[in-house]
């Protein structure tokens, strides 16, 4: 019998494998395009509530189950409204000026320091080539915590459209229906579930060694050659697993619920409770445990396979 062979485990793209410094990741907004006319923000702050099964009617063209009711696994994402904390004007990739919104929530004083009197308005900014907003979530409406989460959100459209949107939404709420529509595909960016210290077999997916092997079965057979006489960073070793920044691409949005709509079907979720504000039902799984804050972003590279799927929501199970 020939020796078992397999490709090396553990992508070197993700290195070093340690806990992320931020819960909500920083995103490069330039390559992300919003295909919705009038849907100016490119992302939204949301919270994972849990997973259920949904009964849907498959209306996808050329599908083997077209016109039939099928059960699909879904993730419930609660999306409380956002508010604008400040408007950032960029020049050559750097913040040239920033305008802070008036009438901010008192909960923000516990986590950030912001000037009481703004020095200038949005119309005073002149030399800039991009506009983004710093948004915070009105998480008190969910009941999971009080401290809001803050993230920078990119805007789509021309500079005039971005400026008018930022000026329009000062001291106003931005809802999930202002950013996404049912039937769209979206990316989710955030941290995975933390698993702490794990061995190399679980961490890198090594093959379990033969049961008579010396010095254990769940480790690599060799840590490396004699020369160079050191253990390289490519060697799979025990260490931190989870709490890594990852992206789930092209998740299909089955339905967007407004606050109070179909609330009875989304009560008593395990380790979460009741869904009290706007919510999104997404096909498949999303990274992180319950109550994990995520950034729901317009698809970076939408695929035809996911975009053409058409599902009519019926009920949750």
C-alpha atoms as a PDB file:
ATOM      1  CA  UNK A   1       0.000   0.000   0.000  1.00  0.00           C
ATOM      2  CA  UNK A   2       1.387   3.403  -0.929  1.00  0.00           C
ATOM      3  CA  UNK A   3       1.925   6.103   1.676  1.00  0.00           C
ATOM      4  CA  UNK A   4      -1.122   8.339   2.207  1.00  0.00           C
ATOM      5  CA  UNK A   5      -0.667  11.799   0.711  1.00  0.00           C
ATOM      6  CA  UNK A   6      -2.692  14.964   1.034  1.00  0.00           C
ATOM      7  CA  UNK A   7      -2.159  18.695   0.533  1.00  0.00           C
ATOM      8  CA  UNK A   8      -0.814  20.698   3.451  1.00  0.00           C
ATOM      9  CA  UNK A   9      -3.396  21.940   5.919  1.00  0.00           C
ATOM     10  CA  UNK A  10      -3.931  25.474   7.101  1.00  0.00           C
ATOM     11  CA  UNK A  11      -3.910  28.399   4.690  1.00  0.00           C
ATOM     12  CA  UNK A  12      -0.906  30.722   5.073  1.00  0.00           C
ATOM     13  CA  UNK A  13      -3.184  33.565   3.975  1.00  0.00           C
ATOM     14  CA  UNK A  14      -4.446  33.767   7.547  1.00  0.00           C
ATOM     15  CA  UNK A  15      -1.384  34.539   9.656  1.00  0.00           C
ATOM     16  CA  UNK A  16      -0.701  35.109  12.510  1.00  0.00           C
ATOM     17  CA  UNK A  17      -3.493  32.997  13.971  1.00  0.00           C
ATOM     18  CA  UNK A  18      -4.354  35.114  16.978  1.00  0.00           C
ATOM     19  CA  UNK A  19      -7.443  36.893  18.272  1.00  0.00           C
ATOM     20  CA  UNK A  20      -8.579  39.872  16.253  1.00  0.00           C
ATOM     21  CA  UNK A  21      -7.985  43.297  17.737  1.00  0.00           C
ATOM     22  CA  UNK A  22     -11.478  44.568  16.796  1.00  0.00           C
ATOM     23  CA  UNK A  23     -14.908  42.947  16.983  1.00  0.00           C
ATOM     24  CA  UNK A  24     -16.125  44.804  13.889  1.00  0.00           C
ATOM     25  CA  UNK A  25     -13.472  44.586  11.146  1.00  0.00           C
ATOM     26  CA  UNK A  26     -12.127  47.379   8.990  1.00  0.00           C
ATOM     27  CA  UNK A  27     -13.320  47.069   5.365  1.00  0.00           C
ATOM     28  CA  UNK A  28     -11.943  48.345   2.089  1.00  0.00           C
ATOM     29  CA  UNK A  29     -15.096  49.957   0.678  1.00  0.00           C
ATOM     30  CA  UNK A  30     -13.695  50.970  -2.737  1.00  0.00           C
ATOM     31  CA  UNK A  31     -14.173  47.658  -4.631  1.00  0.00           C
ATOM     32  CA  UNK A  32     -17.656  47.094  -3.166  1.00  0.00           C
ATOM     33  CA  UNK A  33     -20.370  48.311  -5.507  1.00  0.00           C
ATOM     34  CA  UNK A  34     -23.997  48.798  -4.532  1.00  0.00           C
ATOM     35  CA  UNK A  35     -26.267  47.784  -7.408  1.00  0.00           C
ATOM     36  CA  UNK A  36     -29.368  49.345  -5.854  1.00  0.00           C
ATOM     37  CA  UNK A  37     -30.330  52.776  -7.081  1.00  0.00           C
ATOM     38  CA  UNK A  38     -30.947  55.022  -4.113  1.00  0.00           C
ATOM     39  CA  UNK A  39     -29.535  52.506  -1.591  1.00  0.00           C
ATOM     40  CA  UNK A  40     -26.554  54.688  -0.688  1.00  0.00           C
ATOM     41  CA  UNK A  41     -24.897  52.886   2.310  1.00  0.00           C
ATOM     42  CA  UNK A  42     -22.845  49.841   1.382  1.00  0.00           C
ATOM     43  CA  UNK A  43     -23.183  48.089   4.733  1.00  0.00           C
ATOM     44  CA  UNK A  44     -25.158  47.724   7.943  1.00  0.00           C
ATOM     45  CA  UNK A  45     -24.369  46.762  11.574  1.00  0.00           C
ATOM     46  CA  UNK A  46     -26.351  43.685  12.626  1.00  0.00           C
ATOM     47  CA  UNK A  47     -26.451  40.946  15.289  1.00  0.00           C
ATOM     48  CA  UNK A  48     -26.692  37.196  14.867  1.00  0.00           C
ATOM     49  CA  UNK A  49     -29.767  35.817  16.640  1.00  0.00           C
ATOM     50  CA  UNK A  50     -29.574  32.109  15.779  1.00  0.00           C
ATOM     51  CA  UNK A  51     -30.493  29.437  13.247  1.00  0.00           C
ATOM     52  CA  UNK A  52     -33.829  27.836  12.377  1.00  0.00           C
ATOM     53  CA  UNK A  53     -35.405  25.976   9.465  1.00  0.00           C
ATOM     54  CA  UNK A  54     -37.605  27.834   7.011  1.00  0.00           C
ATOM     55  CA  UNK A  55     -40.279  26.496   4.694  1.00  0.00           C
ATOM     56  CA  UNK A  56     -39.953  28.268   1.343  1.00  0.00           C
ATOM     57  CA  UNK A  57     -41.402  27.891  -2.132  1.00  0.00           C
ATOM     58  CA  UNK A  58     -38.653  27.397  -4.687  1.00  0.00           C
ATOM     59  CA  UNK A  59     -39.285  29.645  -7.700  1.00  0.00           C
ATOM     60  CA  UNK A  60     -35.787  29.302  -9.187  1.00  0.00           C
ATOM     61  CA  UNK A  61     -35.784  28.846 -12.946  1.00  0.00           C
ATOM     62  CA  UNK A  62     -34.727  25.347 -14.099  1.00  0.00           C
ATOM     63  CA  UNK A  63     -34.622  24.088 -10.505  1.00  0.00           C
ATOM     64  CA  UNK A  64     -35.522  20.446  -9.852  1.00  0.00           C
ATOM     65  CA  UNK A  65     -37.810  21.594  -7.011  1.00  0.00           C
ATOM     66  CA  UNK A  66     -39.388  24.535  -8.848  1.00  0.00           C
ATOM     67  CA  UNK A  67     -42.876  25.277  -7.540  1.00  0.00           C
ATOM     68  CA  UNK A  68     -42.450  22.978  -4.534  1.00  0.00           C
ATOM     69  CA  UNK A  69     -42.157  23.675  -0.837  1.00  0.00           C
ATOM     70  CA  UNK A  70     -38.730  22.873   0.574  1.00  0.00           C
ATOM     71  CA  UNK A  71     -37.064  23.251   3.991  1.00  0.00           C
ATOM     72  CA  UNK A  72     -33.812  25.205   4.075  1.00  0.00           C
ATOM     73  CA  UNK A  73     -31.520  26.129   6.995  1.00  0.00           C
ATOM     74  CA  UNK A  74     -31.613  29.857   7.708  1.00  0.00           C
ATOM     75  CA  UNK A  75     -29.896  32.330  10.018  1.00  0.00           C
ATOM     76  CA  UNK A  76     -31.883  35.082  11.707  1.00  0.00           C
ATOM     77  CA  UNK A  77     -30.021  38.403  11.792  1.00  0.00           C
ATOM     78  CA  UNK A  78     -31.447  41.221  13.938  1.00  0.00           C
ATOM     79  CA  UNK A  79     -30.825  44.662  12.477  1.00  0.00           C
ATOM     80  CA  UNK A  80     -31.669  47.562  14.823  1.00  0.00           C
ATOM     81  CA  UNK A  81     -31.636  50.986  13.140  1.00  0.00           C
ATOM     82  CA  UNK A  82     -28.365  52.885  12.788  1.00  0.00           C
ATOM     83  CA  UNK A  83     -27.619  56.563  13.308  1.00  0.00           C
ATOM     84  CA  UNK A  84     -24.871  58.775  11.900  1.00  0.00           C
ATOM     85  CA  UNK A  85     -22.152  59.584  14.416  1.00  0.00           C
ATOM     86  CA  UNK A  86     -20.056  61.698  12.053  1.00  0.00           C
ATOM     87  CA  UNK A  87     -19.327  62.318   8.387  1.00  0.00           C
ATOM     88  CA  UNK A  88     -15.762  61.791   7.179  1.00  0.00           C
ATOM     89  CA  UNK A  89     -14.305  63.585   4.159  1.00  0.00           C
ATOM     90  CA  UNK A  90     -11.341  61.753   2.610  1.00  0.00           C
ATOM     91  CA  UNK A  91      -8.520  63.116   0.461  1.00  0.00           C
ATOM     92  CA  UNK A  92      -5.952  60.725  -1.062  1.00  0.00           C
ATOM     93  CA  UNK A  93      -7.004  57.923   1.305  1.00  0.00           C
ATOM     94  CA  UNK A  94      -6.696  60.005   4.494  1.00  0.00           C
ATOM     95  CA  UNK A  95      -9.318  61.794   6.611  1.00  0.00           C
ATOM     96  CA  UNK A  96      -9.187  65.459   5.616  1.00  0.00           C
ATOM     97  CA  UNK A  97     -12.030  66.615   7.882  1.00  0.00           C
ATOM     98  CA  UNK A  98     -14.822  65.188  10.011  1.00  0.00           C
ATOM     99  CA  UNK A  99     -18.204  66.635  10.938  1.00  0.00           C
ATOM    100  CA  UNK A 100     -19.791  65.315  14.157  1.00  0.00           C
ATOM    101  CA  UNK A 101     -23.557  64.958  14.325  1.00  0.00           C
ATOM    102  CA  UNK A 102     -25.582  66.898  16.895  1.00  0.00           C
ATOM    103  CA  UNK A 103     -27.932  65.318  19.421  1.00  0.00           C
ATOM    104  CA  UNK A 104     -26.074  62.044  19.870  1.00  0.00           C
ATOM    105  CA  UNK A 105     -27.209  59.389  22.354  1.00  0.00           C
ATOM    106  CA  UNK A 106     -25.875  59.614  25.907  1.00  0.00           C
ATOM    107  CA  UNK A 107     -24.664  55.997  25.740  1.00  0.00           C
ATOM    108  CA  UNK A 108     -21.915  57.080  23.352  1.00  0.00           C
ATOM    109  CA  UNK A 109     -20.204  59.120  26.094  1.00  0.00           C
ATOM    110  CA  UNK A 110     -19.208  55.890  27.827  1.00  0.00           C
ATOM    111  CA  UNK A 111     -17.144  54.624  24.912  1.00  0.00           C
ATOM    112  CA  UNK A 112     -15.936  57.645  22.915  1.00  0.00           C
ATOM    113  CA  UNK A 113     -15.063  61.303  23.404  1.00  0.00           C
ATOM    114  CA  UNK A 114     -16.556  63.712  20.912  1.00  0.00           C
ATOM    115  CA  UNK A 115     -16.569  67.521  20.796  1.00  0.00           C
ATOM    116  CA  UNK A 116     -19.641  69.274  22.154  1.00  0.00           C
ATOM    117  CA  UNK A 117     -19.527  72.039  19.562  1.00  0.00           C
ATOM    118  CA  UNK A 118     -18.865  71.183  15.946  1.00  0.00           C
ATOM    119  CA  UNK A 119     -16.323  73.440  14.282  1.00  0.00           C
ATOM    120  CA  UNK A 120     -17.828  73.344  10.805  1.00  0.00           C
ATOM    121  CA  UNK A 121     -20.721  71.903   8.848  1.00  0.00           C
ATOM    122  CA  UNK A 122     -21.016  69.508   5.933  1.00  0.00           C
ATOM    123  CA  UNK A 123     -21.349  72.343   3.435  1.00  0.00           C
ATOM    124  CA  UNK A 124     -18.043  73.854   4.635  1.00  0.00           C
ATOM    125  CA  UNK A 125     -15.967  70.883   3.397  1.00  0.00           C
ATOM    126  CA  UNK A 126     -14.399  71.599   0.025  1.00  0.00           C
ATOM    127  CA  UNK A 127     -11.260  69.634  -0.882  1.00  0.00           C
ATOM    128  CA  UNK A 128     -12.148  65.918  -0.796  1.00  0.00           C
ATOM    129  CA  UNK A 129     -12.493  62.918  -3.104  1.00  0.00           C
ATOM    130  CA  UNK A 130     -14.595  60.508  -0.982  1.00  0.00           C
ATOM    131  CA  UNK A 131     -17.241  60.653   1.762  1.00  0.00           C
ATOM    132  CA  UNK A 132     -18.016  57.977   4.365  1.00  0.00           C
ATOM    133  CA  UNK A 133     -20.072  57.936   7.540  1.00  0.00           C
ATOM    134  CA  UNK A 134     -19.284  56.720  11.036  1.00  0.00           C
ATOM    135  CA  UNK A 135     -22.461  54.934  12.129  1.00  0.00           C
ATOM    136  CA  UNK A 136     -23.556  53.470  15.456  1.00  0.00           C
ATOM    137  CA  UNK A 137     -26.268  50.908  16.153  1.00  0.00           C
ATOM    138  CA  UNK A 138     -29.299  51.613  18.324  1.00  0.00           C
ATOM    139  CA  UNK A 139     -28.721  48.277  20.062  1.00  0.00           C
ATOM    140  CA  UNK A 140     -30.961  49.135  23.040  1.00  0.00           C
ATOM    141  CA  UNK A 141     -33.945  48.195  20.877  1.00  0.00           C
ATOM    142  CA  UNK A 142     -32.739  44.584  20.756  1.00  0.00           C
ATOM    143  CA  UNK A 143     -32.439  44.049  24.516  1.00  0.00           C
ATOM    144  CA  UNK A 144     -29.094  42.205  24.303  1.00  0.00           C
ATOM    145  CA  UNK A 145     -26.996  45.139  25.591  1.00  0.00           C
ATOM    146  CA  UNK A 146     -26.919  48.940  25.911  1.00  0.00           C
ATOM    147  CA  UNK A 147     -23.532  49.999  24.527  1.00  0.00           C
ATOM    148  CA  UNK A 148     -23.792  50.741  20.785  1.00  0.00           C
ATOM    149  CA  UNK A 149     -21.299  49.435  18.234  1.00  0.00           C
ATOM    150  CA  UNK A 150     -19.513  51.868  15.922  1.00  0.00           C
ATOM    151  CA  UNK A 151     -18.285  51.198  12.384  1.00  0.00           C
ATOM    152  CA  UNK A 152     -17.294  53.153   9.313  1.00  0.00           C
ATOM    153  CA  UNK A 153     -19.713  52.635   6.422  1.00  0.00           C
ATOM    154  CA  UNK A 154     -18.904  53.430   2.808  1.00  0.00           C
ATOM    155  CA  UNK A 155     -21.385  55.184   0.540  1.00  0.00           C
ATOM    156  CA  UNK A 156     -22.215  54.555  -3.112  1.00  0.00           C
ATOM    157  CA  UNK A 157     -22.993  57.021  -5.840  1.00  0.00           C
ATOM    158  CA  UNK A 158     -21.404  60.293  -6.886  1.00  0.00           C
ATOM    159  CA  UNK A 159     -19.884  62.788  -4.444  1.00  0.00           C
ATOM    160  CA  UNK A 160     -23.022  64.960  -4.609  1.00  0.00           C
ATOM    161  CA  UNK A 161     -25.239  61.949  -3.832  1.00  0.00           C
ATOM    162  CA  UNK A 162     -23.024  60.929  -0.909  1.00  0.00           C
ATOM    163  CA  UNK A 163     -23.015  64.462   0.470  1.00  0.00           C
ATOM    164  CA  UNK A 164     -26.783  64.889   0.194  1.00  0.00           C
ATOM    165  CA  UNK A 165     -27.376  61.505   1.854  1.00  0.00           C
ATOM    166  CA  UNK A 166     -25.044  62.326   4.762  1.00  0.00           C
ATOM    167  CA  UNK A 167     -26.691  65.712   5.216  1.00  0.00           C
ATOM    168  CA  UNK A 168     -30.165  64.190   4.995  1.00  0.00           C
ATOM    169  CA  UNK A 169     -29.558  61.429   7.554  1.00  0.00           C
ATOM    170  CA  UNK A 170     -28.037  63.578  10.302  1.00  0.00           C
ATOM    171  CA  UNK A 171     -29.972  62.791  13.535  1.00  0.00           C
ATOM    172  CA  UNK A 172     -32.205  60.355  11.622  1.00  0.00           C
ATOM    173  CA  UNK A 173     -32.423  56.573  11.749  1.00  0.00           C
ATOM    174  CA  UNK A 174     -31.219  54.359   8.908  1.00  0.00           C
ATOM    175  CA  UNK A 175     -33.167  51.097   8.614  1.00  0.00           C
ATOM    176  CA  UNK A 176     -32.102  47.834   7.016  1.00  0.00           C
ATOM    177  CA  UNK A 177     -34.728  48.311   4.290  1.00  0.00           C
ATOM    178  CA  UNK A 178     -32.859  51.508   3.286  1.00  0.00           C
ATOM    179  CA  UNK A 179     -29.761  49.435   2.480  1.00  0.00           C
ATOM    180  CA  UNK A 180     -30.887  45.942   1.361  1.00  0.00           C
ATOM    181  CA  UNK A 181     -33.819  44.268  -0.381  1.00  0.00           C
ATOM    182  CA  UNK A 182     -35.261  40.765  -0.246  1.00  0.00           C
ATOM    183  CA  UNK A 183     -33.698  38.493  -2.850  1.00  0.00           C
ATOM    184  CA  UNK A 184     -30.301  40.189  -2.792  1.00  0.00           C
ATOM    185  CA  UNK A 185     -27.009  38.488  -1.962  1.00  0.00           C
ATOM    186  CA  UNK A 186     -24.862  39.944   0.808  1.00  0.00           C
ATOM    187  CA  UNK A 187     -21.513  39.324   2.482  1.00  0.00           C
ATOM    188  CA  UNK A 188     -21.102  39.007   6.247  1.00  0.00           C
ATOM    189  CA  UNK A 189     -17.850  40.166   7.812  1.00  0.00           C
ATOM    190  CA  UNK A 190     -17.008  39.610  11.454  1.00  0.00           C
ATOM    191  CA  UNK A 191     -15.356  37.319  13.982  1.00  0.00           C
ATOM    192  CA  UNK A 192     -15.770  33.570  14.219  1.00  0.00           C
ATOM    193  CA  UNK A 193     -16.668  31.735  17.419  1.00  0.00           C
ATOM    194  CA  UNK A 194     -13.735  31.617  19.868  1.00  0.00           C
ATOM    195  CA  UNK A 195     -12.527  28.109  20.776  1.00  0.00           C
ATOM    196  CA  UNK A 196      -9.417  28.957  22.826  1.00  0.00           C
ATOM    197  CA  UNK A 197      -6.300  26.790  22.847  1.00  0.00           C
ATOM    198  CA  UNK A 198      -6.610  23.830  20.458  1.00  0.00           C
ATOM    199  CA  UNK A 199      -4.213  21.153  19.254  1.00  0.00           C
ATOM    200  CA  UNK A 200      -2.744  20.933  15.740  1.00  0.00           C
ATOM    201  CA  UNK A 201      -5.147  18.208  14.587  1.00  0.00           C
ATOM    202  CA  UNK A 202      -8.272  20.270  15.285  1.00  0.00           C
ATOM    203  CA  UNK A 203      -6.610  23.568  14.381  1.00  0.00           C
ATOM    204  CA  UNK A 204      -5.130  22.535  11.019  1.00  0.00           C
ATOM    205  CA  UNK A 205      -6.998  19.342  10.118  1.00  0.00           C
ATOM    206  CA  UNK A 206      -4.027  16.959  10.258  1.00  0.00           C
ATOM    207  CA  UNK A 207      -4.558  13.264   9.596  1.00  0.00           C
ATOM    208  CA  UNK A 208      -4.776  11.160  12.749  1.00  0.00           C
ATOM    209  CA  UNK A 209      -1.591   9.106  12.997  1.00  0.00           C
ATOM    210  CA  UNK A 210      -1.399   5.302  13.277  1.00  0.00           C
ATOM    211  CA  UNK A 211      -2.476   3.936  16.654  1.00  0.00           C
ATOM    212  CA  UNK A 212       1.007   2.560  17.452  1.00  0.00           C
ATOM    213  CA  UNK A 213       2.750   5.877  16.783  1.00  0.00           C
ATOM    214  CA  UNK A 214       5.211   7.166  19.362  1.00  0.00           C
ATOM    215  CA  UNK A 215       4.622  10.384  21.306  1.00  0.00           C
ATOM    216  CA  UNK A 216       0.916  10.641  20.553  1.00  0.00           C
ATOM    217  CA  UNK A 217      -1.439  10.410  17.585  1.00  0.00           C
ATOM    218  CA  UNK A 218      -2.771  13.977  17.387  1.00  0.00           C
ATOM    219  CA  UNK A 219       0.384  15.845  16.419  1.00  0.00           C
ATOM    220  CA  UNK A 220       2.611  16.251  13.347  1.00  0.00           C
ATOM    221  CA  UNK A 221       5.091  13.473  12.681  1.00  0.00           C
ATOM    222  CA  UNK A 222       8.014  15.902  12.458  1.00  0.00           C
ATOM    223  CA  UNK A 223       8.498  19.539  13.497  1.00  0.00           C
ATOM    224  CA  UNK A 224      10.948  20.143  10.634  1.00  0.00           C
ATOM    225  CA  UNK A 225      14.427  19.292   9.290  1.00  0.00           C
ATOM    226  CA  UNK A 226      17.735  19.485  11.115  1.00  0.00           C
ATOM    227  CA  UNK A 227      18.799  22.403   8.905  1.00  0.00           C
ATOM    228  CA  UNK A 228      17.549  25.053   9.293  1.00  0.00           C
ATOM    229  CA  UNK A 229      17.691  24.032  12.955  1.00  0.00           C
ATOM    230  CA  UNK A 230      14.506  25.741  14.036  1.00  0.00           C
ATOM    231  CA  UNK A 231      10.764  25.307  13.919  1.00  0.00           C
ATOM    232  CA  UNK A 232       9.338  27.402  11.066  1.00  0.00           C
ATOM    233  CA  UNK A 233       6.045  29.258  11.213  1.00  0.00           C
ATOM    234  CA  UNK A 234       4.609  26.844   8.648  1.00  0.00           C
ATOM    235  CA  UNK A 235       4.715  23.934  11.117  1.00  0.00           C
ATOM    236  CA  UNK A 236       1.209  23.148  12.470  1.00  0.00           C
ATOM    237  CA  UNK A 237       1.316  23.604  16.248  1.00  0.00           C
ATOM    238  CA  UNK A 238      -1.172  24.080  19.069  1.00  0.00           C
ATOM    239  CA  UNK A 239      -2.482  27.594  19.630  1.00  0.00           C
ATOM    240  CA  UNK A 240      -5.421  29.957  19.523  1.00  0.00           C
ATOM    241  CA  UNK A 241      -8.419  28.917  17.420  1.00  0.00           C
ATOM    242  CA  UNK A 242     -11.374  31.156  16.686  1.00  0.00           C
ATOM    243  CA  UNK A 243     -12.054  34.876  17.197  1.00  0.00           C
ATOM    244  CA  UNK A 244     -10.615  35.388  13.694  1.00  0.00           C
ATOM    245  CA  UNK A 245     -11.880  37.946  11.186  1.00  0.00           C
ATOM    246  CA  UNK A 246     -13.554  36.068   8.334  1.00  0.00           C
ATOM    247  CA  UNK A 247     -16.008  36.801   5.519  1.00  0.00           C
ATOM    248  CA  UNK A 248     -18.992  34.723   4.374  1.00  0.00           C
ATOM    249  CA  UNK A 249     -19.674  35.591   0.740  1.00  0.00           C
ATOM    250  CA  UNK A 250     -22.944  35.662  -1.223  1.00  0.00           C
ATOM    251  CA  UNK A 251     -25.528  34.801   1.411  1.00  0.00           C
ATOM    252  CA  UNK A 252     -29.036  34.905  -0.056  1.00  0.00           C
ATOM    253  CA  UNK A 253     -31.513  37.224   1.688  1.00  0.00           C
ATOM    254  CA  UNK A 254     -34.820  35.361   1.777  1.00  0.00           C
ATOM    255  CA  UNK A 255     -36.907  37.999   3.560  1.00  0.00           C
ATOM    256  CA  UNK A 256     -36.591  41.271   5.482  1.00  0.00           C
ATOM    257  CA  UNK A 257     -38.985  41.718   8.406  1.00  0.00           C
ATOM    258  CA  UNK A 258     -39.952  45.029   9.959  1.00  0.00           C
ATOM    259  CA  UNK A 259     -40.200  45.398  13.733  1.00  0.00           C
ATOM    260  CA  UNK A 260     -43.279  43.587  15.081  1.00  0.00           C
ATOM    261  CA  UNK A 261     -43.972  41.666  11.861  1.00  0.00           C
ATOM    262  CA  UNK A 262     -44.000  37.885  12.373  1.00  0.00           C
ATOM    263  CA  UNK A 263     -42.645  38.484  15.874  1.00  0.00           C
ATOM    264  CA  UNK A 264     -44.292  35.400  17.376  1.00  0.00           C
ATOM    265  CA  UNK A 265     -42.261  33.085  15.127  1.00  0.00           C
ATOM    266  CA  UNK A 266     -38.962  34.598  16.331  1.00  0.00           C
ATOM    267  CA  UNK A 267     -39.380  34.434  20.103  1.00  0.00           C
ATOM    268  CA  UNK A 268     -37.368  32.480  22.620  1.00  0.00           C
ATOM    269  CA  UNK A 269     -34.359  31.819  20.417  1.00  0.00           C
ATOM    270  CA  UNK A 270     -31.687  29.761  22.168  1.00  0.00           C
ATOM    271  CA  UNK A 271     -29.080  31.920  23.974  1.00  0.00           C
ATOM    272  CA  UNK A 272     -30.654  35.055  22.467  1.00  0.00           C
ATOM    273  CA  UNK A 273     -34.280  35.618  23.432  1.00  0.00           C
ATOM    274  CA  UNK A 274     -36.830  37.561  21.396  1.00  0.00           C
ATOM    275  CA  UNK A 275     -36.227  39.442  18.156  1.00  0.00           C
ATOM    276  CA  UNK A 276     -37.651  42.914  18.884  1.00  0.00           C
ATOM    277  CA  UNK A 277     -36.473  45.098  15.980  1.00  0.00           C
ATOM    278  CA  UNK A 278     -36.029  44.685  12.215  1.00  0.00           C
ATOM    279  CA  UNK A 279     -34.670  41.306  11.152  1.00  0.00           C
ATOM    280  CA  UNK A 280     -33.279  39.568   8.081  1.00  0.00           C
ATOM    281  CA  UNK A 281     -33.618  35.866   7.248  1.00  0.00           C
ATOM    282  CA  UNK A 282     -30.575  34.619   5.350  1.00  0.00           C
ATOM    283  CA  UNK A 283     -30.125  31.187   3.792  1.00  0.00           C
ATOM    284  CA  UNK A 284     -27.326  29.114   5.309  1.00  0.00           C
ATOM    285  CA  UNK A 285     -25.019  29.797   8.229  1.00  0.00           C
ATOM    286  CA  UNK A 286     -23.084  32.872   9.298  1.00  0.00           C
ATOM    287  CA  UNK A 287     -19.923  33.002  11.396  1.00  0.00           C
ATOM    288  CA  UNK A 288     -19.963  33.686  15.137  1.00  0.00           C
ATOM    289  CA  UNK A 289     -22.112  32.730  18.144  1.00  0.00           C
ATOM    290  CA  UNK A 290     -25.441  34.241  19.129  1.00  0.00           C
ATOM    291  CA  UNK A 291     -25.337  38.007  19.869  1.00  0.00           C
ATOM    292  CA  UNK A 292     -22.182  38.429  17.775  1.00  0.00           C
ATOM    293  CA  UNK A 293     -22.101  41.796  16.021  1.00  0.00           C
ATOM    294  CA  UNK A 294     -21.461  41.592  12.268  1.00  0.00           C
ATOM    295  CA  UNK A 295     -21.216  43.856   9.264  1.00  0.00           C
ATOM    296  CA  UNK A 296     -23.693  43.007   6.519  1.00  0.00           C
ATOM    297  CA  UNK A 297     -22.146  44.310   3.310  1.00  0.00           C
ATOM    298  CA  UNK A 298     -23.191  44.462  -0.342  1.00  0.00           C
ATOM    299  CA  UNK A 299     -21.678  41.538  -2.253  1.00  0.00           C
ATOM    300  CA  UNK A 300     -18.076  42.083  -3.307  1.00  0.00           C
ATOM    301  CA  UNK A 301     -18.311  39.627  -6.227  1.00  0.00           C
ATOM    302  CA  UNK A 302     -21.875  38.250  -6.568  1.00  0.00           C
ATOM    303  CA  UNK A 303     -22.122  34.900  -8.316  1.00  0.00           C
ATOM    304  CA  UNK A 304     -24.784  34.017 -10.868  1.00  0.00           C
ATOM    305  CA  UNK A 305     -25.548  30.754  -9.062  1.00  0.00           C
ATOM    306  CA  UNK A 306     -26.647  32.571  -5.897  1.00  0.00           C
ATOM    307  CA  UNK A 307     -28.162  35.633  -7.551  1.00  0.00           C
ATOM    308  CA  UNK A 308     -30.594  33.655  -9.725  1.00  0.00           C
ATOM    309  CA  UNK A 309     -32.096  31.735  -6.769  1.00  0.00           C
ATOM    310  CA  UNK A 310     -35.658  32.829  -6.058  1.00  0.00           C
ATOM    311  CA  UNK A 311     -37.367  31.693  -2.860  1.00  0.00           C
ATOM    312  CA  UNK A 312     -40.742  32.724  -1.531  1.00  0.00           C
ATOM    313  CA  UNK A 313     -40.820  32.697   2.278  1.00  0.00           C
ATOM    314  CA  UNK A 314     -43.716  30.785   3.887  1.00  0.00           C
ATOM    315  CA  UNK A 315     -42.928  30.109   7.561  1.00  0.00           C
ATOM    316  CA  UNK A 316     -40.248  29.349  10.150  1.00  0.00           C
ATOM    317  CA  UNK A 317     -39.944  26.034  11.945  1.00  0.00           C
END
